[in-house]
Amino acid sequence: MQQEAGADTEALEVWIDQDLCTGDGICAQYAPEVFELDIDGLAYVKSPADELLQTPGATTPVPLTLLRDVADSAKECPGDCIHVRRVSDGVEVHGPDAE
């Protein structure tokens, strides 16, 4: 897939749709540096400074070294709520809306 190949070198960001989150925690198991479950039982992204971002639609950069783990999180998420998109054009490259 051509988009996926470009995704390996382009800046990516990830966000979670908490309305669809099932709280299974698979994302936090794959990439605990990027995802965390809060006391409400839902998953959220974390900032590069390791702060939980609880604003709906909050995004965080995907470190290149964690791209495969974040992509696997999006693929395995039972709630289909993890969205990984290119920063440059907003196109989703991993997640339920990926082309």
Protein backbone atom coordinates (compact mmCIF):
# COMPACT_ATOMS: atom_id res chain seq x y z
CA MET A 1 0.00 0.00 0.00
CA GLN A 2 1.58 3.23 -1.12
CA GLN A 3 0.11 5.43 1.63
CA GLU A 4 1.47 3.11 4.28
CA ALA A 5 4.97 3.30 2.81
CA GLY A 6 4.84 7.11 2.98
CA ALA A 7 3.54 6.89 6.53
CA ASP A 8 6.85 5.36 7.60
CA THR A 9 8.70 8.61 6.91
CA GLU A 10 6.09 11.35 7.35
CA ALA A 11 5.12 12.97 10.63
CA LEU A 12 2.08 11.22 12.10
CA GLU A 13 -0.28 11.99 14.96
CA VAL A 14 -2.78 9.80 16.79
CA TRP A 15 -6.05 10.45 18.59
CA ILE A 16 -8.71 8.34 20.27
CA ASP A 17 -12.47 8.70 19.91
CA GLN A 18 -13.50 8.11 23.54
CA ASP A 19 -17.17 7.74 22.48
CA LEU A 20 -16.16 4.43 20.85
CA CYS A 21 -13.52 3.31 23.36
CA THR A 22 -14.36 -0.02 25.00
CA GLY A 23 -11.68 0.33 27.68
CA ASP A 24 -9.99 -2.98 26.82
CA GLY A 25 -6.55 -1.40 27.20
CA ILE A 26 -4.99 -3.13 24.21
CA CYS A 27 -3.54 0.18 23.05
CA ALA A 28 -1.81 0.76 26.39
CA GLN A 29 -0.36 -2.76 26.22
CA TYR A 30 1.05 -2.18 22.72
CA ALA A 31 2.31 1.38 23.24
CA PRO A 32 2.25 2.53 26.89
CA GLU A 33 4.43 5.50 25.91
CA VAL A 34 1.53 6.83 23.79
CA PHE A 35 -1.69 5.48 25.38
CA GLU A 36 -3.02 5.24 28.92
CA LEU A 37 -6.27 4.18 30.57
CA ASP A 38 -7.69 6.80 32.93
CA ILE A 39 -9.78 6.20 36.04
CA ASP A 40 -12.92 6.57 33.89
CA GLY A 41 -11.89 3.31 32.17
CA LEU A 42 -11.26 4.94 28.79
CA ALA A 43 -8.03 5.24 26.83
CA TYR A 44 -6.37 8.57 26.09
CA VAL A 45 -3.24 9.67 24.27
CA LYS A 46 -0.31 11.10 26.18
CA SER A 47 1.77 14.13 25.31
CA PRO A 48 5.49 13.79 24.58
CA ALA A 49 5.94 15.04 28.18
CA ASP A 50 3.96 11.98 29.41
CA GLU A 51 0.84 14.00 30.36
CA LEU A 52 -2.61 12.51 29.79
CA LEU A 53 -4.52 14.52 27.15
CA GLN A 54 -8.21 14.35 28.08
CA THR A 55 -9.61 16.96 25.69
CA PRO A 56 -11.86 15.24 23.10
CA GLY A 57 -9.97 14.88 19.82
CA ALA A 58 -6.59 15.65 21.41
CA THR A 59 -3.72 14.43 19.26
CA THR A 60 -0.15 13.48 20.04
CA PRO A 61 2.80 12.84 17.73
CA VAL A 62 3.62 9.24 16.87
CA PRO A 63 7.32 8.63 17.49
CA LEU A 64 8.82 6.82 14.50
CA THR A 65 10.24 4.17 16.81
CA LEU A 66 6.69 3.36 18.02
CA LEU A 67 4.91 3.50 14.65
CA ARG A 68 4.42 -0.26 14.37
CA ASP A 69 3.11 -0.51 17.95
CA VAL A 70 0.69 2.37 17.42
CA ALA A 71 -0.45 0.93 14.06
CA ASP A 72 -0.99 -2.47 15.70
CA SER A 73 -3.01 -0.77 18.44
CA ALA A 74 -5.29 0.78 15.84
CA LYS A 75 -5.62 -2.54 14.02
CA GLU A 76 -6.39 -4.60 17.14
CA CYS A 77 -8.63 -2.08 18.93
CA PRO A 78 -12.05 -3.69 19.48
CA GLY A 79 -13.72 -0.26 19.54
CA ASP A 80 -12.14 0.91 16.25
CA CYS A 81 -11.49 4.21 18.00
CA ILE A 82 -7.77 4.82 17.34
CA HIS A 83 -6.99 7.13 14.43
CA VAL A 84 -3.47 7.66 13.04
CA ARG A 85 -3.14 10.37 10.44
CA ARG A 86 -0.48 12.28 8.55
CA VAL A 87 0.15 15.71 9.99
CA SER A 88 0.76 17.22 6.54
CA ASP A 89 -2.69 16.57 5.07
CA GLY A 90 -4.79 14.92 7.80
CA VAL A 91 -5.23 11.67 5.84
CA GLU A 92 -5.79 8.68 8.10
CA VAL A 93 -3.19 5.97 7.46
CA HIS A 94 -4.14 3.54 10.25
CA GLY A 95 -7.50 3.11 11.93
CA PRO A 96 -11.14 2.72 10.94
CA ASP A 97 -11.08 5.54 8.36
CA ALA A 98 -7.80 4.54 6.67
CA GLU A 99 -8.10 4.18 2.91
